[in-house]
């Protein structure tokens, strides 16, 4: 009995680590944009996401061309090179292309309404089309700290070591501090007078 309680508490604790935003919660078909491009997905409710390629505001709706990415536990697109295919998502109303600009991450909830053929360069591409109920724009990711250690002389104990030569004194490469790469944030546009 006690073990079952511990396992249940661990499960609740792990489930709370990745919270899906309320507009993205629900039950969805286990399909990808690549599946939708092959057809047979019309009418399914899906949750797809990825990076915005292009935004096209029209009179009645705004359509997004999105490079599909696998979603993480929080329904946010994963920052990977893998793609699950491109798709179109259209939603009534105006979405400003300067806010929803190229490269921003979005997650879309909606119903697959068929496919459209477009062009990517000179290639005829079949896009699955989603009539979106939600277009969720994720906050921009912050800069990451990347460590740059010499792989042959890395000293894992340097952080608590005895000086720049490391705790063992084996040469100039031991204990090299990490190189920090900070991506600058774009400056806001100047305010008018």
C-alpha atoms as a PDB file:
ATOM      1  CA  UNK A   1       0.000   0.000   0.000  1.00  0.00           C
ATOM      2  CA  UNK A   2       2.785   2.388   0.941  1.00  0.00           C
ATOM      3  CA  UNK A   3       4.672   1.684  -2.324  1.00  0.00           C
ATOM      4  CA  UNK A   4       1.535   2.405  -4.374  1.00  0.00           C
ATOM      5  CA  UNK A   5       1.147   5.758  -2.610  1.00  0.00           C
ATOM      6  CA  UNK A   6       4.789   6.691  -3.288  1.00  0.00           C
ATOM      7  CA  UNK A   7       4.444   5.729  -6.969  1.00  0.00           C
ATOM      8  CA  UNK A   8       1.222   7.751  -7.291  1.00  0.00           C
ATOM      9  CA  UNK A   9       2.860  10.816  -5.715  1.00  0.00           C
ATOM     10  CA  UNK A  10       5.877  10.484  -8.012  1.00  0.00           C
ATOM     11  CA  UNK A  11       3.549  10.258 -11.013  1.00  0.00           C
ATOM     12  CA  UNK A  12       1.693  13.408  -9.950  1.00  0.00           C
ATOM     13  CA  UNK A  13       4.996  15.191  -9.335  1.00  0.00           C
ATOM     14  CA  UNK A  14       6.384  14.242 -12.747  1.00  0.00           C
ATOM     15  CA  UNK A  15       3.141  15.165 -14.511  1.00  0.00           C
ATOM     16  CA  UNK A  16       3.231  18.616 -12.939  1.00  0.00           C
ATOM     17  CA  UNK A  17       6.721  19.282 -14.351  1.00  0.00           C
ATOM     18  CA  UNK A  18       5.405  19.850 -17.875  1.00  0.00           C
ATOM     19  CA  UNK A  19       2.292  21.993 -17.867  1.00  0.00           C
ATOM     20  CA  UNK A  20       0.319  22.369 -21.078  1.00  0.00           C
ATOM     21  CA  UNK A  21      -1.247  25.851 -21.412  1.00  0.00           C
ATOM     22  CA  UNK A  22      -5.033  25.738 -21.029  1.00  0.00           C
ATOM     23  CA  UNK A  23      -5.868  26.683 -24.673  1.00  0.00           C
ATOM     24  CA  UNK A  24      -3.762  23.724 -25.853  1.00  0.00           C
ATOM     25  CA  UNK A  25      -5.216  21.050 -23.584  1.00  0.00           C
ATOM     26  CA  UNK A  26      -7.446  18.261 -24.838  1.00  0.00           C
ATOM     27  CA  UNK A  27      -7.489  15.015 -26.792  1.00  0.00           C
ATOM     28  CA  UNK A  28      -6.028  15.077 -30.301  1.00  0.00           C
ATOM     29  CA  UNK A  29      -5.418  12.691 -33.176  1.00  0.00           C
ATOM     30  CA  UNK A  30      -1.942  11.170 -33.133  1.00  0.00           C
ATOM     31  CA  UNK A  31      -1.029  12.411 -36.589  1.00  0.00           C
ATOM     32  CA  UNK A  32       1.607  14.710 -38.018  1.00  0.00           C
ATOM     33  CA  UNK A  33       1.534  17.278 -40.819  1.00  0.00           C
ATOM     34  CA  UNK A  34       3.245  14.667 -43.016  1.00  0.00           C
ATOM     35  CA  UNK A  35       0.288  12.328 -42.383  1.00  0.00           C
ATOM     36  CA  UNK A  36      -2.107  15.146 -43.219  1.00  0.00           C
ATOM     37  CA  UNK A  37      -0.340  15.803 -46.541  1.00  0.00           C
ATOM     38  CA  UNK A  38      -0.999  12.193 -47.567  1.00  0.00           C
ATOM     39  CA  UNK A  39      -4.735  12.745 -47.055  1.00  0.00           C
ATOM     40  CA  UNK A  40      -7.348  10.899 -45.042  1.00  0.00           C
ATOM     41  CA  UNK A  41      -7.038  13.236 -42.031  1.00  0.00           C
ATOM     42  CA  UNK A  42      -9.936  15.572 -42.912  1.00  0.00           C
ATOM     43  CA  UNK A  43     -12.152  16.234 -39.909  1.00  0.00           C
ATOM     44  CA  UNK A  44      -9.601  15.198 -37.301  1.00  0.00           C
ATOM     45  CA  UNK A  45      -8.838  17.532 -34.413  1.00  0.00           C
ATOM     46  CA  UNK A  46      -5.092  18.019 -34.188  1.00  0.00           C
ATOM     47  CA  UNK A  47      -2.487  19.858 -32.132  1.00  0.00           C
ATOM     48  CA  UNK A  48       0.482  20.667 -34.329  1.00  0.00           C
ATOM     49  CA  UNK A  49       3.256  23.165 -33.862  1.00  0.00           C
ATOM     50  CA  UNK A  50       6.459  24.498 -35.269  1.00  0.00           C
ATOM     51  CA  UNK A  51       8.134  27.629 -36.604  1.00  0.00           C
ATOM     52  CA  UNK A  52       6.372  30.288 -38.615  1.00  0.00           C
ATOM     53  CA  UNK A  53       7.634  30.504 -42.192  1.00  0.00           C
ATOM     54  CA  UNK A  54       5.152  33.071 -43.514  1.00  0.00           C
ATOM     55  CA  UNK A  55       2.044  34.965 -42.373  1.00  0.00           C
ATOM     56  CA  UNK A  56      -0.585  36.025 -44.913  1.00  0.00           C
ATOM     57  CA  UNK A  57      -3.333  38.299 -43.528  1.00  0.00           C
ATOM     58  CA  UNK A  58      -6.431  38.222 -45.778  1.00  0.00           C
ATOM     59  CA  UNK A  59      -9.769  40.036 -45.574  1.00  0.00           C
ATOM     60  CA  UNK A  60     -11.503  37.342 -43.514  1.00  0.00           C
ATOM     61  CA  UNK A  61      -8.666  35.351 -41.931  1.00  0.00           C
ATOM     62  CA  UNK A  62      -4.935  35.132 -41.426  1.00  0.00           C
ATOM     63  CA  UNK A  63      -3.130  32.086 -42.807  1.00  0.00           C
ATOM     64  CA  UNK A  64       0.190  30.836 -41.450  1.00  0.00           C
ATOM     65  CA  UNK A  65       2.680  28.623 -43.249  1.00  0.00           C
ATOM     66  CA  UNK A  66       4.384  26.621 -40.521  1.00  0.00           C
ATOM     67  CA  UNK A  67       7.373  24.281 -40.530  1.00  0.00           C
ATOM     68  CA  UNK A  68       6.106  21.458 -38.320  1.00  0.00           C
ATOM     69  CA  UNK A  69       8.205  20.323 -35.386  1.00  0.00           C
ATOM     70  CA  UNK A  70       7.615  17.547 -32.854  1.00  0.00           C
ATOM     71  CA  UNK A  71       5.969  18.854 -29.668  1.00  0.00           C
ATOM     72  CA  UNK A  72       7.373  18.463 -26.173  1.00  0.00           C
ATOM     73  CA  UNK A  73       5.465  17.545 -23.012  1.00  0.00           C
ATOM     74  CA  UNK A  74       4.232  21.139 -22.642  1.00  0.00           C
ATOM     75  CA  UNK A  75       2.988  21.166 -26.293  1.00  0.00           C
ATOM     76  CA  UNK A  76       5.777  23.571 -27.242  1.00  0.00           C
ATOM     77  CA  UNK A  77       7.696  22.773 -30.443  1.00  0.00           C
ATOM     78  CA  UNK A  78      11.050  21.177 -29.731  1.00  0.00           C
ATOM     79  CA  UNK A  79      14.110  23.091 -30.894  1.00  0.00           C
ATOM     80  CA  UNK A  80      15.418  20.402 -33.229  1.00  0.00           C
ATOM     81  CA  UNK A  81      16.423  20.084 -36.832  1.00  0.00           C
ATOM     82  CA  UNK A  82      13.762  17.418 -37.410  1.00  0.00           C
ATOM     83  CA  UNK A  83      10.614  18.481 -39.248  1.00  0.00           C
ATOM     84  CA  UNK A  84       7.245  16.772 -39.405  1.00  0.00           C
ATOM     85  CA  UNK A  85       6.380  18.597 -42.647  1.00  0.00           C
ATOM     86  CA  UNK A  86       4.906  21.986 -43.492  1.00  0.00           C
ATOM     87  CA  UNK A  87       1.274  22.872 -42.946  1.00  0.00           C
ATOM     88  CA  UNK A  88      -1.122  25.791 -43.318  1.00  0.00           C
ATOM     89  CA  UNK A  89      -3.186  27.062 -40.399  1.00  0.00           C
ATOM     90  CA  UNK A  90      -5.892  29.683 -40.955  1.00  0.00           C
ATOM     91  CA  UNK A  91      -7.883  31.535 -38.297  1.00  0.00           C
ATOM     92  CA  UNK A  92     -10.443  34.299 -38.529  1.00  0.00           C
ATOM     93  CA  UNK A  93      -9.170  37.769 -37.703  1.00  0.00           C
ATOM     94  CA  UNK A  94      -6.003  39.766 -38.174  1.00  0.00           C
ATOM     95  CA  UNK A  95      -2.672  38.542 -36.834  1.00  0.00           C
ATOM     96  CA  UNK A  96       0.122  41.070 -37.260  1.00  0.00           C
ATOM     97  CA  UNK A  97       3.051  39.644 -39.267  1.00  0.00           C
ATOM     98  CA  UNK A  98       5.456  41.780 -37.215  1.00  0.00           C
ATOM     99  CA  UNK A  99       4.376  39.995 -34.015  1.00  0.00           C
ATOM    100  CA  UNK A 100       3.873  36.577 -35.617  1.00  0.00           C
ATOM    101  CA  UNK A 101       7.105  36.871 -37.569  1.00  0.00           C
ATOM    102  CA  UNK A 102       9.265  34.284 -39.286  1.00  0.00           C
ATOM    103  CA  UNK A 103      11.014  31.917 -36.886  1.00  0.00           C
ATOM    104  CA  UNK A 104       8.617  32.379 -33.951  1.00  0.00           C
ATOM    105  CA  UNK A 105       7.246  29.200 -32.398  1.00  0.00           C
ATOM    106  CA  UNK A 106       3.522  28.500 -32.401  1.00  0.00           C
ATOM    107  CA  UNK A 107       1.253  25.623 -31.480  1.00  0.00           C
ATOM    108  CA  UNK A 108      -2.012  25.268 -33.372  1.00  0.00           C
ATOM    109  CA  UNK A 109      -5.195  23.489 -32.289  1.00  0.00           C
ATOM    110  CA  UNK A 110      -7.835  22.934 -34.932  1.00  0.00           C
ATOM    111  CA  UNK A 111      -9.522  20.677 -37.450  1.00  0.00           C
ATOM    112  CA  UNK A 112      -7.889  19.375 -40.609  1.00  0.00           C
ATOM    113  CA  UNK A 113      -9.975  20.676 -43.524  1.00  0.00           C
ATOM    114  CA  UNK A 114      -8.115  19.060 -46.423  1.00  0.00           C
ATOM    115  CA  UNK A 115      -4.999  19.860 -48.428  1.00  0.00           C
ATOM    116  CA  UNK A 116      -3.733  22.656 -50.693  1.00  0.00           C
ATOM    117  CA  UNK A 117      -0.968  22.558 -53.251  1.00  0.00           C
ATOM    118  CA  UNK A 118       1.626  25.310 -53.191  1.00  0.00           C
ATOM    119  CA  UNK A 119       5.211  25.791 -54.203  1.00  0.00           C
ATOM    120  CA  UNK A 120       8.391  25.629 -52.169  1.00  0.00           C
ATOM    121  CA  UNK A 121      10.975  26.980 -54.561  1.00  0.00           C
ATOM    122  CA  UNK A 122      10.217  25.087 -57.741  1.00  0.00           C
ATOM    123  CA  UNK A 123       8.796  22.066 -55.916  1.00  0.00           C
ATOM    124  CA  UNK A 124       5.030  21.402 -55.845  1.00  0.00           C
ATOM    125  CA  UNK A 125       4.244  20.878 -52.181  1.00  0.00           C
ATOM    126  CA  UNK A 126       1.043  19.441 -50.671  1.00  0.00           C
ATOM    127  CA  UNK A 127       0.102  21.287 -47.470  1.00  0.00           C
ATOM    128  CA  UNK A 128      -2.443  19.930 -45.021  1.00  0.00           C
ATOM    129  CA  UNK A 129      -4.756  22.801 -44.032  1.00  0.00           C
ATOM    130  CA  UNK A 130      -5.981  23.332 -40.475  1.00  0.00           C
ATOM    131  CA  UNK A 131      -8.963  25.505 -39.572  1.00  0.00           C
ATOM    132  CA  UNK A 132      -7.447  26.769 -36.342  1.00  0.00           C
ATOM    133  CA  UNK A 133      -9.368  27.327 -33.139  1.00  0.00           C
ATOM    134  CA  UNK A 134      -6.145  28.398 -31.351  1.00  0.00           C
ATOM    135  CA  UNK A 135      -2.881  29.908 -32.566  1.00  0.00           C
ATOM    136  CA  UNK A 136      -0.636  29.926 -29.481  1.00  0.00           C
ATOM    137  CA  UNK A 137       2.468  32.119 -29.804  1.00  0.00           C
ATOM    138  CA  UNK A 138       5.234  31.002 -27.473  1.00  0.00           C
ATOM    139  CA  UNK A 139       7.569  33.500 -25.781  1.00  0.00           C
ATOM    140  CA  UNK A 140      10.963  33.748 -27.416  1.00  0.00           C
ATOM    141  CA  UNK A 141      13.555  31.432 -25.938  1.00  0.00           C
ATOM    142  CA  UNK A 142      16.257  33.061 -23.818  1.00  0.00           C
ATOM    143  CA  UNK A 143      19.944  32.793 -24.633  1.00  0.00           C
ATOM    144  CA  UNK A 144      21.670  29.563 -23.695  1.00  0.00           C
ATOM    145  CA  UNK A 145      25.028  29.251 -22.004  1.00  0.00           C
ATOM    146  CA  UNK A 146      27.272  26.961 -23.980  1.00  0.00           C
ATOM    147  CA  UNK A 147      30.380  25.481 -22.385  1.00  0.00           C
ATOM    148  CA  UNK A 148      33.516  25.255 -24.489  1.00  0.00           C
ATOM    149  CA  UNK A 149      35.941  22.846 -22.883  1.00  0.00           C
ATOM    150  CA  UNK A 150      38.789  21.089 -24.609  1.00  0.00           C
ATOM    151  CA  UNK A 151      37.387  17.540 -24.894  1.00  0.00           C
ATOM    152  CA  UNK A 152      40.803  15.972 -24.276  1.00  0.00           C
ATOM    153  CA  UNK A 153      41.688  17.930 -21.161  1.00  0.00           C
ATOM    154  CA  UNK A 154      38.356  18.546 -19.445  1.00  0.00           C
ATOM    155  CA  UNK A 155      38.596  18.648 -15.680  1.00  0.00           C
ATOM    156  CA  UNK A 156      35.158  17.968 -14.116  1.00  0.00           C
ATOM    157  CA  UNK A 157      36.443  18.910 -10.640  1.00  0.00           C
ATOM    158  CA  UNK A 158      37.659  22.391 -11.586  1.00  0.00           C
ATOM    159  CA  UNK A 159      34.618  24.184 -10.120  1.00  0.00           C
ATOM    160  CA  UNK A 160      35.860  23.342  -6.636  1.00  0.00           C
ATOM    161  CA  UNK A 161      39.487  23.026  -7.713  1.00  0.00           C
ATOM    162  CA  UNK A 162      42.668  24.615  -6.514  1.00  0.00           C
ATOM    163  CA  UNK A 163      43.330  27.352  -9.046  1.00  0.00           C
ATOM    164  CA  UNK A 164      43.459  27.750 -12.798  1.00  0.00           C
ATOM    165  CA  UNK A 165      45.525  24.605 -13.284  1.00  0.00           C
ATOM    166  CA  UNK A 166      42.907  22.335 -11.700  1.00  0.00           C
ATOM    167  CA  UNK A 167      43.335  20.194  -8.595  1.00  0.00           C
ATOM    168  CA  UNK A 168      46.041  18.040 -10.181  1.00  0.00           C
ATOM    169  CA  UNK A 169      48.242  20.591 -11.931  1.00  0.00           C
ATOM    170  CA  UNK A 170      48.363  18.740 -15.251  1.00  0.00           C
ATOM    171  CA  UNK A 171      48.740  21.558 -17.722  1.00  0.00           C
ATOM    172  CA  UNK A 172      47.274  24.732 -19.114  1.00  0.00           C
ATOM    173  CA  UNK A 173      44.065  23.192 -20.524  1.00  0.00           C
ATOM    174  CA  UNK A 174      42.712  21.851 -17.275  1.00  0.00           C
ATOM    175  CA  UNK A 175      40.017  24.012 -15.797  1.00  0.00           C
ATOM    176  CA  UNK A 176      39.425  26.219 -18.842  1.00  0.00           C
ATOM    177  CA  UNK A 177      36.373  28.357 -18.018  1.00  0.00           C
ATOM    178  CA  UNK A 178      33.326  28.075 -20.315  1.00  0.00           C
ATOM    179  CA  UNK A 179      32.785  30.466 -23.179  1.00  0.00           C
ATOM    180  CA  UNK A 180      29.428  32.172 -22.737  1.00  0.00           C
ATOM    181  CA  UNK A 181      27.508  32.991 -25.902  1.00  0.00           C
ATOM    182  CA  UNK A 182      24.715  35.492 -25.362  1.00  0.00           C
ATOM    183  CA  UNK A 183      22.288  36.187 -28.174  1.00  0.00           C
ATOM    184  CA  UNK A 184      21.442  39.897 -28.017  1.00  0.00           C
ATOM    185  CA  UNK A 185      17.800  40.856 -27.914  1.00  0.00           C
ATOM    186  CA  UNK A 186      16.634  43.102 -30.752  1.00  0.00           C
ATOM    187  CA  UNK A 187      16.407  46.759 -29.836  1.00  0.00           C
ATOM    188  CA  UNK A 188      12.918  48.257 -29.763  1.00  0.00           C
ATOM    189  CA  UNK A 189      12.122  50.636 -32.607  1.00  0.00           C
ATOM    190  CA  UNK A 190      12.657  54.331 -31.830  1.00  0.00           C
ATOM    191  CA  UNK A 191       9.617  56.105 -30.475  1.00  0.00           C
ATOM    192  CA  UNK A 192       8.034  58.826 -32.562  1.00  0.00           C
ATOM    193  CA  UNK A 193       8.041  62.411 -31.415  1.00  0.00           C
END
